[in-house]
Every structure is written in C-alpha cells, then in structure tokens.
Protein backbone atom coordinates (compact mmCIF):
# COMPACT_ATOMS: atom_id res chain seq x y z
CA MET A 1 -73.15 29.31 -2.92
CA GLU A 2 -71.77 28.55 -6.87
CA SER A 3 -70.80 32.04 -6.85
CA ARG A 4 -68.91 31.44 -3.77
CA ILE A 5 -67.11 28.27 -5.36
CA THR A 6 -66.62 30.20 -8.44
CA LYS A 7 -65.03 33.32 -6.56
CA LEU A 8 -63.09 31.39 -4.59
CA ASN A 9 -61.36 28.91 -7.19
CA ASN A 10 -60.68 32.23 -9.36
CA ALA A 11 -58.81 33.76 -6.10
CA MET A 12 -56.93 30.71 -5.75
CA SER A 13 -55.50 30.26 -8.62
CA PRO A 14 -52.53 32.44 -9.16
CA PHE A 15 -50.86 31.68 -6.08
CA LEU A 16 -51.98 27.52 -6.85
CA VAL A 17 -49.90 28.72 -10.40
CA VAL A 18 -46.61 29.94 -8.63
CA ILE A 19 -46.96 27.98 -6.26
CA LEU A 20 -47.03 25.09 -8.97
CA VAL A 21 -44.46 26.47 -11.48
CA GLY A 22 -42.24 26.72 -8.16
CA CYS A 23 -42.62 22.91 -7.63
CA PHE A 24 -41.50 21.97 -10.80
CA GLY A 25 -39.83 24.90 -12.02
CA PHE A 26 -36.56 24.89 -14.05
CA ASP A 27 -38.57 22.79 -16.81
CA LEU A 28 -41.30 24.44 -19.33
CA VAL A 29 -42.48 21.30 -20.10
CA THR A 30 -43.29 20.75 -16.63
CA PHE A 31 -44.85 23.93 -16.48
CA GLY A 32 -46.47 23.90 -19.78
CA GLU A 33 -48.65 20.80 -18.67
CA THR A 34 -49.51 22.31 -16.01
CA SER A 35 -50.70 25.21 -17.76
CA MET A 36 -52.68 23.55 -19.08
CA PHE A 37 -54.20 21.72 -15.97
CA LEU A 38 -54.24 24.15 -14.37
CA LEU A 39 -56.98 26.24 -17.31
CA ALA A 40 -58.47 23.35 -17.44
CA HIS A 41 -59.61 23.10 -13.13
CA LEU A 42 -59.59 26.16 -12.04
CA ARG A 43 -61.56 28.86 -15.06
CA PRO A 44 -65.11 30.35 -15.31
CA LEU A 45 -66.98 27.20 -14.95
CA THR A 46 -69.77 27.36 -18.51
CA PHE A 47 -73.87 26.16 -18.03
CA SER A 48 -73.16 22.38 -18.52
CA GLU A 49 -70.65 22.66 -16.61
CA LYS A 50 -71.76 24.02 -13.91
CA LEU A 51 -74.70 21.50 -14.32
CA GLN A 52 -72.77 18.49 -14.28
CA GLN A 53 -71.71 20.40 -11.01
CA ALA A 54 -75.12 20.42 -9.62
CA VAL A 55 -75.37 16.37 -10.16
CA SER A 56 -72.04 15.66 -8.40
CA SER A 57 -73.16 17.40 -5.14
CA LEU A 58 -76.11 15.65 -5.18
CA GLU A 59 -74.63 12.40 -5.08
CA GLU A 60 -71.98 12.83 -2.81
CA LYS A 61 -75.34 14.41 -0.29
CA VAL A 62 -76.26 11.20 -0.90
CA ALA A 63 -73.74 9.82 -0.09
CA LEU A 64 -73.14 11.39 3.11
CA GLU A 65 -76.95 9.98 4.64
CA ALA A 66 -76.72 6.55 3.29
CA PRO A 67 -75.54 3.74 6.33
CA GLU A 68 -72.31 3.16 5.38
CA VAL A 69 -70.44 5.71 4.55
CA LYS A 70 -67.30 6.09 1.60
CA LYS A 71 -64.20 7.65 1.97
CA VAL A 72 -64.09 9.75 -1.29
CA ASP A 73 -61.04 8.43 -3.34
CA VAL A 74 -58.20 11.23 -4.17
CA GLU A 75 -56.94 10.45 -7.31
CA GLU A 76 -53.63 10.97 -8.87
CA ASP A 77 -51.95 13.71 -8.92
CA PRO A 78 -50.84 13.75 -12.74
CA ILE A 79 -48.15 16.54 -12.71
CA ALA A 80 -46.98 13.41 -10.46
CA GLU A 81 -45.77 11.48 -13.36
CA THR A 82 -44.89 14.86 -14.97
CA THR A 83 -42.30 16.03 -12.30
CA LYS A 84 -40.19 12.39 -11.86
CA HIS A 85 -39.58 12.96 -16.53
CA SER A 86 -38.64 16.49 -15.37
CA HIS A 87 -36.30 15.06 -12.49
CA ARG A 88 -34.85 12.35 -14.59
CA THR A 89 -33.94 15.02 -17.91
CA TRP A 90 -32.01 17.37 -15.46
CA VAL A 91 -30.20 14.32 -14.49
CA GLN A 92 -29.48 12.67 -17.60
CA LEU A 93 -28.45 16.97 -18.21
CA ALA A 94 -26.48 17.37 -15.32
CA ASP A 95 -24.55 13.69 -16.78
CA HIS A 96 -24.33 14.41 -20.25
CA PHE A 97 -23.01 18.18 -19.43
CA CYS A 98 -20.00 16.35 -17.36
CA PHE A 99 -19.15 13.74 -19.96
CA LYS A 100 -18.03 16.52 -22.89
CA VAL A 101 -16.38 18.60 -19.79
CA GLY A 102 -14.54 14.87 -19.72
CA GLN A 103 -13.73 15.04 -23.21
CA MET A 104 -12.96 18.60 -23.29
CA GLU A 105 -9.85 18.01 -20.80
CA LYS A 106 -9.49 15.02 -22.66
CA THR A 107 -8.46 16.58 -25.44
CA CYS A 108 -6.41 19.55 -23.87
CA LYS A 109 -4.39 17.39 -22.58
CA ILE A 110 -2.82 16.29 -26.59
CA PRO A 111 0.83 17.42 -27.06
CA LEU A 112 0.01 20.04 -30.54
CA PRO A 113 1.19 18.89 -33.66
CA GLU A 114 4.19 20.92 -33.30
CA THR A 115 4.78 20.29 -30.18
CA GLN A 116 4.93 16.28 -30.93
CA LEU A 117 7.45 16.25 -34.24
CA ALA A 118 9.19 18.41 -31.42
CA GLU A 119 9.22 15.98 -29.22
CA GLN A 120 10.19 13.36 -31.12
CA LYS A 121 12.99 15.95 -32.31
CA LEU A 122 14.88 15.35 -29.11
CA VAL A 123 14.19 12.01 -28.76
CA ALA A 124 16.34 11.32 -31.69
CA GLU A 125 18.77 13.78 -30.91
CA ALA A 126 19.55 11.86 -27.45
CA LYS A 127 19.30 8.27 -29.93
CA VAL A 128 22.41 10.16 -32.08
CA LYS A 129 23.89 11.81 -29.18
CA GLU A 130 24.48 8.15 -27.08
CA GLU A 131 25.20 6.78 -29.96
CA GLU A 132 28.52 9.11 -30.56
CA ASP A 133 28.74 7.65 -27.18
CA ARG A 134 29.26 5.41 -27.33
CA MET A 135 32.02 5.12 -30.37
CA GLU A 136 33.58 7.39 -28.62
CA ARG A 137 33.46 5.16 -25.71
CA ARG A 138 34.96 2.49 -27.82
CA ARG A 139 37.20 4.49 -29.37
CA ASN A 140 38.37 5.35 -26.66
CA ASP A 141 38.94 1.17 -24.48
CA LYS A 142 42.22 0.81 -23.18
CA LEU A 143 41.78 -2.99 -24.68
CA PRO A 144 40.18 -4.30 -27.90
CA PHE A 145 36.28 -4.43 -28.41
CA GLN A 146 36.47 -3.73 -24.23
CA SER A 147 33.15 -1.05 -24.07
CA PHE A 148 31.36 -3.76 -26.57
CA MET A 149 32.20 -6.81 -23.87
CA LYS A 150 30.81 -4.61 -20.36
CA GLU A 151 27.20 -4.04 -23.24
CA CYS A 152 27.09 -7.27 -23.49
CA TYR A 153 28.08 -8.02 -20.21
CA GLU A 154 25.69 -6.40 -18.23
CA SER A 155 22.67 -6.35 -20.78
CA THR A 156 19.58 -8.82 -19.80
CA ALA A 157 20.64 -12.23 -20.70
CA PRO A 158 24.20 -13.24 -19.44
CA GLN A 159 22.79 -11.28 -16.00
CA MET A 160 20.05 -13.47 -15.68
CA ILE A 161 21.84 -17.05 -17.27
CA VAL A 162 24.55 -16.26 -14.64
CA ALA A 163 21.56 -15.80 -11.58
CA GLY A 164 20.15 -19.18 -12.74
CA ALA A 165 23.48 -20.80 -12.75
CA ILE A 166 24.08 -19.47 -8.60
CA CYS A 167 20.32 -20.81 -7.67
CA LEU A 168 21.26 -24.55 -9.42
CA ASN A 169 24.07 -24.36 -8.00
CA PHE A 170 22.91 -23.69 -4.32
CA LEU A 171 20.73 -26.28 -5.33
CA VAL A 172 23.35 -29.18 -5.88
CA SER A 173 25.29 -28.43 -3.32
CA ALA A 174 22.86 -28.39 -1.10
CA THR A 175 21.37 -31.83 -2.08
CA LYS A 176 25.47 -33.58 -1.69
CA ALA A 177 25.53 -31.91 1.93
CA GLU A 178 21.75 -34.57 2.56
CA MET A 179 23.41 -37.28 0.55
CA LEU A 180 26.92 -37.18 1.28
CA PRO A 181 28.05 -39.33 -1.19
CA GLU A 182 31.16 -41.29 -0.41
CA GLU A 183 34.45 -41.54 -2.69
CA GLY A 184 33.72 -44.84 -5.65
CA ASP A 185 30.07 -43.44 -5.69
CA ASP A 186 28.32 -43.02 -8.60
CA ALA A 187 26.91 -40.03 -7.61
CA MET A 188 30.28 -37.88 -6.43
CA VAL A 189 31.19 -38.91 -9.63
CA VAL A 190 28.15 -36.01 -10.84
CA PHE A 191 27.98 -33.96 -8.45
CA PHE A 192 31.95 -33.43 -9.70
CA VAL A 193 30.87 -32.96 -13.23
CA PHE A 194 28.63 -30.43 -11.51
CA GLU A 195 31.19 -28.93 -10.40
CA VAL A 196 33.48 -28.59 -13.31
CA PHE A 197 30.42 -27.06 -14.87
CA PHE A 198 30.03 -24.32 -12.29
CA ASN A 199 33.79 -23.47 -11.91
CA LEU A 200 33.40 -23.08 -15.92
CA LEU A 201 31.04 -20.45 -16.20
CA PHE A 202 31.54 -18.63 -13.25
CA GLY A 203 35.32 -18.60 -14.20
CA ILE A 204 34.49 -17.15 -17.51
CA GLU A 205 31.76 -15.05 -16.48
CA LEU A 206 34.36 -13.50 -13.79
CA LEU A 207 37.15 -13.33 -16.80
CA VAL A 208 34.48 -11.44 -19.02
CA ASN A 209 33.90 -8.69 -16.12
CA MET A 210 37.48 -8.44 -15.42
CA TYR A 211 38.08 -7.99 -18.96
CA ALA A 212 35.24 -5.49 -19.59
CA ASN A 213 35.64 -3.12 -16.58
CA PHE A 214 39.82 -3.24 -17.10
CA PHE A 215 41.38 -2.26 -14.30
CA CYS A 216 40.44 -0.28 -11.15
CA PRO A 217 37.18 -0.46 -11.59
CA PHE A 218 37.18 -4.64 -11.08
CA TRP A 219 38.90 -3.29 -7.59
CA LYS A 220 36.77 -0.79 -6.91
CA ASP A 221 33.98 -3.19 -6.43
CA SER A 222 33.61 -4.48 -3.63
CA TRP A 223 31.01 -7.55 -5.21
CA ASN A 224 33.83 -8.30 -7.88
CA ILE A 225 36.42 -8.88 -5.11
CA PHE A 226 34.00 -10.77 -3.10
CA ASP A 227 33.55 -13.13 -7.30
CA PHE A 228 37.13 -12.68 -7.65
CA PHE A 229 37.84 -14.87 -3.88
CA ILE A 230 34.71 -17.06 -4.53
CA VAL A 231 35.44 -18.87 -7.63
CA LEU A 232 39.70 -18.86 -7.34
CA ILE A 233 38.58 -20.66 -3.68
CA SER A 234 36.15 -23.10 -5.63
CA TRP A 235 39.35 -23.31 -8.74
CA LEU A 236 42.07 -24.41 -5.71
CA SER A 237 39.21 -26.62 -3.59
CA MET A 238 38.69 -28.89 -7.26
CA MET A 239 42.26 -28.90 -8.55
CA LYS A 240 43.17 -30.34 -4.65
CA MET A 241 45.35 -27.40 -3.96
CA LEU A 242 43.97 -26.98 -0.24
CA ASN A 243 45.44 -29.16 2.05
CA GLY A 244 45.99 -29.65 5.99
CA SER A 245 44.71 -26.51 7.84
CA ILE A 246 43.48 -24.48 4.98
CA SER A 247 40.88 -27.12 4.13
CA VAL A 248 38.54 -25.39 5.03
CA LEU A 249 38.47 -22.85 3.20
CA ARG A 250 36.33 -25.03 1.02
CA LEU A 251 34.18 -23.73 3.37
CA PHE A 252 33.53 -20.58 2.09
CA ARG A 253 31.95 -22.05 -1.52
CA ALA A 254 28.35 -22.16 0.26
CA PHE A 255 28.52 -18.73 0.06
CA ARG A 256 28.34 -18.37 -3.31
CA VAL A 257 25.41 -17.63 -2.95
CA PHE A 258 25.48 -14.61 -1.84
CA ARG A 259 26.65 -13.53 -5.53
CA LEU A 260 23.08 -13.17 -6.09
CA PHE A 261 22.56 -10.18 -4.74
CA LYS A 262 24.80 -8.28 -6.75
CA ARG A 263 22.48 -9.19 -10.07
CA VAL A 264 19.30 -8.99 -8.27
CA LYS A 265 18.49 -4.87 -7.86
CA SER A 266 15.65 -5.60 -5.21
CA LEU A 267 18.06 -7.77 -2.69
CA ARG A 268 21.35 -5.92 -3.61
CA GLN A 269 18.68 -3.27 -2.48
CA ILE A 270 18.25 -4.92 1.15
CA ILE A 271 21.68 -5.34 1.70
CA ALA A 272 22.19 -1.46 1.27
CA GLY A 273 19.55 -0.44 3.77
CA ILE A 274 21.16 -3.36 6.16
CA GLY A 275 24.33 -1.75 5.96
CA LYS A 276 23.47 1.80 6.46
CA SER A 277 21.30 1.05 9.16
CA LEU A 278 24.09 -1.02 10.82
CA PRO A 279 25.30 2.47 12.90
CA GLY A 280 22.03 2.82 14.49
CA VAL A 281 21.52 -0.85 14.79
CA SER A 282 25.31 -1.00 16.81
CA ASN A 283 23.58 1.73 19.10
CA ALA A 284 20.95 -0.19 20.13
CA PHE A 285 22.28 -3.98 20.11
CA LEU A 286 24.46 -1.90 22.61
CA ILE A 287 21.75 -0.82 25.41
CA LEU A 288 21.05 -4.11 24.63
CA THR A 289 24.93 -5.47 25.50
CA ILE A 290 24.83 -3.41 28.67
CA VAL A 291 21.23 -4.45 30.34
CA MET A 292 22.79 -8.20 29.66
CA CYS A 293 25.94 -7.70 31.06
CA ILE A 294 24.31 -5.86 34.44
CA TYR A 295 22.32 -9.01 35.06
CA ALA A 296 25.17 -11.08 34.26
CA ILE A 297 27.05 -9.41 36.99
CA LEU A 298 24.05 -9.37 39.71
CA ALA A 299 22.78 -12.74 39.15
CA VAL A 300 27.03 -13.91 40.24
CA GLU A 301 26.33 -12.31 42.96
CA PHE A 302 22.95 -13.98 43.93
CA TYR A 303 22.81 -17.41 42.20
CA LYS A 304 26.20 -18.81 42.10
CA ASP A 305 26.13 -20.47 45.38
CA VAL A 306 22.36 -22.23 44.64
CA GLY A 307 22.54 -25.51 44.60
CA ARG A 308 25.85 -25.96 46.02
CA GLY A 309 26.71 -29.54 47.29
CA CYS A 310 24.01 -31.10 45.02
CA ARG A 311 27.25 -33.69 44.49
CA GLU A 312 26.93 -34.87 47.74
CA PRO A 313 24.77 -38.09 49.27
CA ASP A 314 23.47 -36.62 52.58
CA TYR A 315 22.56 -32.88 50.53
CA GLY A 316 18.97 -33.74 50.78
CA ARG A 317 17.75 -32.14 48.02
CA THR A 318 17.25 -32.77 44.02
CA GLY A 319 16.58 -30.91 41.03
CA PHE A 320 19.60 -28.93 41.18
CA SER A 321 22.33 -30.94 39.77
CA THR A 322 23.32 -31.60 36.46
CA ASN A 323 24.36 -33.96 33.98
CA ARG A 324 26.92 -31.88 32.46
CA LYS A 325 29.47 -31.33 34.36
CA ALA A 326 30.90 -35.12 36.43
CA GLN A 327 32.45 -32.76 38.56
CA SER A 328 30.52 -29.86 40.57
CA GLY A 329 27.56 -30.02 38.21
CA CYS A 330 25.28 -28.16 40.34
CA MET A 331 23.04 -25.74 38.57
CA GLY A 332 24.48 -22.17 39.72
CA ASN A 333 27.84 -22.53 39.26
CA GLU A 334 27.47 -23.81 35.74
CA TYR A 335 24.46 -20.90 35.10
CA PHE A 336 26.17 -17.91 37.44
CA GLY A 337 29.12 -19.28 38.60
CA THR A 338 31.52 -16.44 36.10
CA PHE A 339 30.18 -13.71 34.69
CA SER A 340 30.65 -15.71 30.80
CA LYS A 341 28.23 -18.26 31.68
CA SER A 342 25.68 -15.81 33.36
CA ILE A 343 26.33 -13.70 30.50
CA TYR A 344 25.20 -17.04 27.97
CA SER A 345 22.62 -17.86 30.49
CA PHE A 346 20.60 -14.99 30.05
CA PHE A 347 21.38 -14.77 26.40
CA GLN A 348 19.61 -18.41 26.32
CA VAL A 349 16.10 -16.68 28.74
CA LEU A 350 16.49 -13.54 25.79
CA THR A 351 15.40 -16.32 23.18
CA GLY A 352 12.95 -18.32 24.95
CA GLU A 353 14.59 -20.66 24.55
CA SER A 354 13.68 -23.21 28.06
CA TRP A 355 14.53 -20.07 30.61
CA SER A 356 11.89 -20.98 32.65
CA GLU A 357 12.25 -24.48 33.76
CA ASN A 358 15.87 -24.95 33.10
CA VAL A 359 16.51 -21.29 34.68
CA SER A 360 14.04 -19.08 36.44
CA ARG A 361 12.44 -21.87 38.62
CA PRO A 362 15.39 -23.95 40.07
CA VAL A 363 16.36 -20.46 41.41
CA ILE A 364 12.98 -19.62 42.91
CA TRP A 365 12.30 -22.45 44.37
CA TYR A 366 15.89 -22.93 45.72
CA PHE A 367 14.94 -20.43 48.43
CA THR A 368 12.89 -20.97 51.14
CA ASP A 369 12.38 -18.12 52.60
CA ASN A 370 9.69 -16.50 50.78
CA ILE A 371 10.84 -13.20 50.18
CA LYS A 372 13.93 -13.95 47.92
CA SER A 373 11.59 -16.31 45.75
CA PHE A 374 9.17 -13.74 44.94
CA GLY A 375 12.37 -11.72 44.52
CA SER A 376 13.77 -13.91 42.19
CA ALA A 377 10.82 -14.34 39.93
CA LEU A 378 10.40 -10.24 39.32
CA PHE A 379 14.19 -10.06 38.79
CA PHE A 380 13.61 -12.54 35.65
CA VAL A 381 10.38 -11.54 34.77
CA SER A 382 11.75 -8.06 34.76
CA PHE A 383 14.89 -9.40 32.30
CA VAL A 384 12.68 -10.65 29.82
CA LEU A 385 10.41 -7.13 29.87
CA ILE A 386 13.33 -5.26 29.09
CA THR A 387 15.48 -6.81 27.07
CA ALA A 388 12.62 -9.34 24.95
CA PHE A 389 9.46 -7.08 25.11
CA VAL A 390 11.59 -3.47 24.24
CA LEU A 391 15.30 -3.55 23.60
CA THR A 392 14.52 -6.53 20.86
CA ASN A 393 11.96 -4.25 19.27
CA VAL A 394 14.00 -1.19 19.58
CA VAL A 395 17.09 -2.99 17.68
CA VAL A 396 14.01 -4.12 14.78
CA ALA A 397 12.22 -0.78 14.76
CA VAL A 398 15.95 1.51 13.93
CA LEU A 399 16.35 -1.12 11.54
CA LEU A 400 13.42 -1.13 9.45
CA ASP A 401 13.52 3.26 9.60
CA LYS A 402 16.71 2.79 8.29
CA MET A 403 16.01 0.28 5.41
CA THR A 404 12.52 2.48 5.03
CA ALA A 405 14.88 5.35 4.60
CA ASN A 406 17.03 3.56 2.38
CA GLU A 407 14.17 2.62 0.06
CA GLU A 408 13.08 6.32 0.29
CA GLU A 409 16.36 7.54 -0.63
CA ALA A 410 17.08 4.97 -4.12
CA GLU A 411 13.08 5.89 -5.19
CA GLY A 412 13.78 9.39 -5.48
CA GLU A 413 17.35 8.38 -6.96
CA ALA A 414 16.06 6.70 -9.71
CA ALA A 415 13.24 9.21 -10.19
CA THR A 416 16.13 11.80 -10.95
CA ALA A 417 17.22 9.88 -13.10
CA ALA A 418 14.15 9.61 -14.98
CA GLU A 419 13.32 13.37 -14.83
CA ALA A 420 16.78 13.61 -16.52
CA GLU A 421 16.45 11.51 -18.82
CA THR A 422 12.93 12.14 -19.42
CA VAL A 423 13.03 14.21 -23.29
CA ALA A 424 11.81 18.44 -22.22
CA VAL A 425 9.55 20.15 -24.57
CA PRO A 426 10.67 22.75 -26.16
CA THR A 427 9.78 26.41 -24.25
CA GLU A 428 10.05 28.40 -27.31
CA LEU A 429 6.07 28.44 -28.38
CA THR A 430 5.32 29.99 -32.15
CA PRO A 431 2.80 32.35 -31.95
CA HIS A 432 -0.17 29.71 -32.86
CA ASP A 433 1.22 27.70 -29.86
CA LEU A 434 0.66 30.98 -27.49
CA LYS A 435 -2.60 32.01 -29.28
CA VAL A 436 -3.70 27.93 -28.53
CA ALA A 437 -2.43 28.16 -25.56
CA LYS A 438 -4.23 31.18 -24.48
CA GLN A 439 -7.49 30.23 -26.19
CA LEU A 440 -7.18 26.94 -23.66
CA GLY A 441 -6.70 28.57 -20.61
CA LYS A 442 -9.99 31.05 -21.08
CA LEU A 443 -12.32 27.43 -21.82
CA GLN A 444 -10.83 25.79 -19.32
CA GLY A 445 -11.09 28.82 -16.42
CA THR A 446 -15.37 28.47 -18.59
CA LEU A 447 -15.30 24.98 -17.67
CA GLY A 448 -14.86 25.16 -14.38
CA GLU A 449 -17.22 28.60 -13.61
CA LEU A 450 -19.75 26.62 -15.98
CA GLY A 451 -19.21 23.27 -13.57
CA SER A 452 -19.28 25.30 -10.03
CA SER A 453 -22.72 27.08 -11.43
CA ALA A 454 -24.05 23.60 -12.94
CA VAL A 455 -23.25 22.10 -9.10
CA ASP A 456 -24.88 25.73 -6.65
CA LEU A 457 -27.94 25.17 -9.82
CA GLN A 458 -28.43 21.62 -8.55
CA LYS A 459 -28.13 21.99 -4.98
CA ASP A 460 -30.47 25.05 -5.70
CA PHE A 461 -32.51 23.32 -7.66
CA ASP A 462 -32.65 20.40 -4.30
CA LYS A 463 -34.26 23.40 -2.07
CA ALA A 464 -36.42 24.54 -3.63
CA LYS A 465 -38.10 20.85 -4.39
CA SER A 466 -38.19 20.35 -1.00
CA ASP A 467 -39.48 23.21 0.39
CA MET A 468 -42.23 23.23 -3.09
CA ALA A 469 -42.93 19.57 -1.43
CA GLU A 470 -43.20 21.00 2.07
CA VAL A 471 -45.58 24.38 0.90
CA ARG A 472 -47.44 21.98 -1.15
CA GLU A 473 -48.40 19.39 1.37
CA GLN A 474 -49.81 22.45 3.67
CA ILE A 475 -51.88 23.50 0.25
CA GLY A 476 -53.58 20.02 -0.64
CA LEU A 477 -55.02 20.01 3.59
CA LEU A 478 -56.27 23.60 2.64
CA VAL A 479 -58.05 22.71 -0.09
CA LYS A 480 -59.62 19.56 2.01
CA ALA A 481 -60.60 20.66 4.72
CA ILE A 482 -62.14 24.30 2.46
CA GLU A 483 -63.91 21.31 0.38
CA ARG A 484 -64.88 19.02 3.74
CA LYS A 485 -66.21 23.12 4.40
CA TYR A 486 -68.42 23.43 1.80
CA ARG A 487 -69.93 20.16 1.52
CA LEU A 488 -70.83 20.46 4.79
CA ALA A 489 -73.00 24.08 3.99
CA CYS A 490 -74.42 22.80 1.26
CA LEU A 491 -75.81 20.29 3.32
C-alpha cells in the first residue's frame, strides 16, 4: 500500500506542477513558493515520515470505527493568499504603467524651447503690428482724436455704464407710470430731475458716438438711427415742444430700453435670430391665417343667424343675447355677423380665451337637431386641433430652427475669427526639431503597441486564471476521490 501511494505521488508531481504554474502563472514569486510547497509534499518519503504517516493512518482508522464519525477538516490552501498578493501586484503594475504613459503624453505635448521662443516672437510682432495699425488709423482721422474717442467709446467700461443707465431709466419710467404723480407734486419734481439727468447722459453718449463714427459709418448702423430718434424725442418732450397731435411721439421714450440690445451681445444675437427667422415664420403665419380665414367664412354662413330675434319679448329662449349692443345684440350677429367679426372670434378661439363658454357652447345648444349640434362641436374642435395644436407649434418650431441656425452661424464666425487671431506656429523646423519629432513619433508608436499588448495580456491572464481555477477544482475533487479510495483500501 505504501509503495502504491509513493508511486502515485511521484507520477502526479509533474502534472500538478504544470497545473499550479498555470493557475498562478506569470509570477516568479508564486512559482517559487509553489515549488517549495511541492518539494515539501510530493518528494519521496523518509523513514520517519513513513512512520508518521502510518500513525496518521491508524488514527484515521480509529476515527472511522468510532460511533460518531467526524468529518475530516480540509486545510486552507497555503497558496491562496499568495495568489491574492500576485493579482494585486499585477493590478498595481498596470496602474503604474498607465500613470507613466500619461506622464509621457503630457511631456510630449509641452512645446520645445525653440517653439516657445518662436511663439513669443510672433506675439510680439502681432502687438507691434496692432500698434502700427492704431497709429495709421489716427493719422487718417477726419476729426481730431477720432480713433481715440472710438476706442474709448467701444471699451467695456463706458458700454456697461450706459447699459446700467438704460436699465435704471426703465425702472424710473415704470415707477412713474405706477405712481401717476400730478403737476405740482414733490414726486413730479423728482421724476423731472431724473428725466434731465438721463437726457443729458444719453445726449452726451450720442454726441460721442457720432463724433467717433463720423459721418457715414454712424448713419449706416440701424441701431444708431434708433438711438438718435429716441434721444431727439426725449429732448423735445422735455422742452415741451411736442404739443397737439405730435405729443403721441413722447410715448416712444418707453422704447429706450431697446437700446440695451445694442450693448448686450446675447440679446443682440436673439434679435438678429428673430430677424433672420422672419421669412420662414411669415410662411407659417400665412398658412395659419389662411386656415383661420377659411373657418371664418364658413362660420359666417353657418352661424350668423344664431339667436336672431333674441331681443323680442316672445322669443322664448334665453342665453343668446349679449349686453354689449343695445340693438340686435344677439350672439350670432355679434360673433359671426361679418367676416371681420368672425375672424376675430376665431382668433379668440385660437388664444383659448373663453372660447368654449362664450363662442362654441351657445352655437352647439342653439340647434335642436342633434346632427347640427354634433357638426358644430366637431367644427370648433377641429379648428382648435389644427391651429392651436399643429400650426402654432409649426410656427414655434420654425422660429427655433432659424434661431438655432443663426447661433451656429455666429459661433462659426467667432471660431473663424479666433483662428485668425491665433498665433500660428512656424512651419520651418530646425534639424534638431525634426530629430526630436521623429523620436517622439517612434516613442508614441511604441507606447501604443505596449498599451495594446498590455490589454491583450491582461485579457489572456484573466482567461487563463478562470480556466485554471476550473481545472484546479476538478483536480481537487479527483484527489479527494483517490484519497477516499485508498483510505477504504487501507481498512
């Protein structure tokens, strides 16, 4: 029996060595520890070890013959902890490799000293050229210090001050409209002081703008024309020169807040987008108007006589008269008596303002014929579905599409301008730069190959470990079965 166990151990030793190396492969430390474990357990037994094994077999025999059979405890695999350490080492190695690759990429992106000097030289040349252009513009000024005034006017600080004054003027106008002070009140004096202050400020701003953009450039800008018109009306109103029928022009002072759009870029882009979207939106509005006109014409033919004679004492029905007209104030004549009345009624339906209670329900309940009542309900519901749910959304979709296209166009122009302003890197390289660039190209290719190889190696490693784990489990079952067989044979 002893010789057969020894022969079995000697025969299975190489096979187990291969299996364990495959399970915990790619790690020399693990292989060494595994080899020491195999040398300790699978080498030929000495006489003392044989004696110890015989004593252990006798103890197992006694345990089997005992009334209560105890299950033999399976010791924990001494290589399991080593395997965990081996896997952790590989993970740390992979992280370290990725960190080094990232550092090398950052290093490769840093410009060479020669390139940095060239860029600084080009920046300095661009500044010199800009200064020369500024001096050239000042020499070509039509008025003294015209270009200097334009640079100051178009700078950020004056534009922000004017924008803040416009907002403050709008708040003062709203407060005055809320309080409605009368002539002679103290509040009227305060508002007059504000009016003089804002007129002086905006008048000076307009004169500076006209001087800086003298003469044709000022009038070619539509925003400048709008500013001139608003400031002129404000001064004429303050000097009490707008009397009679032209006094209505004073109402245009409320539009002064629109001057803010000229100075805020985002608001100016929205206005420009709306202006460019008008052709497409006008087509959608035209379709909506045609549909409303068709329904208005049909409604005049169908419902102009609804509630006729409602003012007569012997009419006998209620709910079809209105209080807005003393004579012939019946529902059909007021809402659908003419084309203009009918199309205004359908505009009310489109907005959703009491269209069901005041427009459609009186018409539906007027008819005693169920078919006419159902047809009237279908008539108004179809109008709401077509106009409010379809055509109105088409108008909004066209508007958003045009505005989005305008924003993309503005972004493209900004990117083009930024690229034009970006300092170009010189294309002529020195022999040293060419040599370094060639080495960096080779290094980049090598890093790419190493990265792909590391990924493939990790995949193969994971797959081999999973396969070896299955084989290890099967071998464990096989060894347990063999031990159980020889234990029974010893009995």
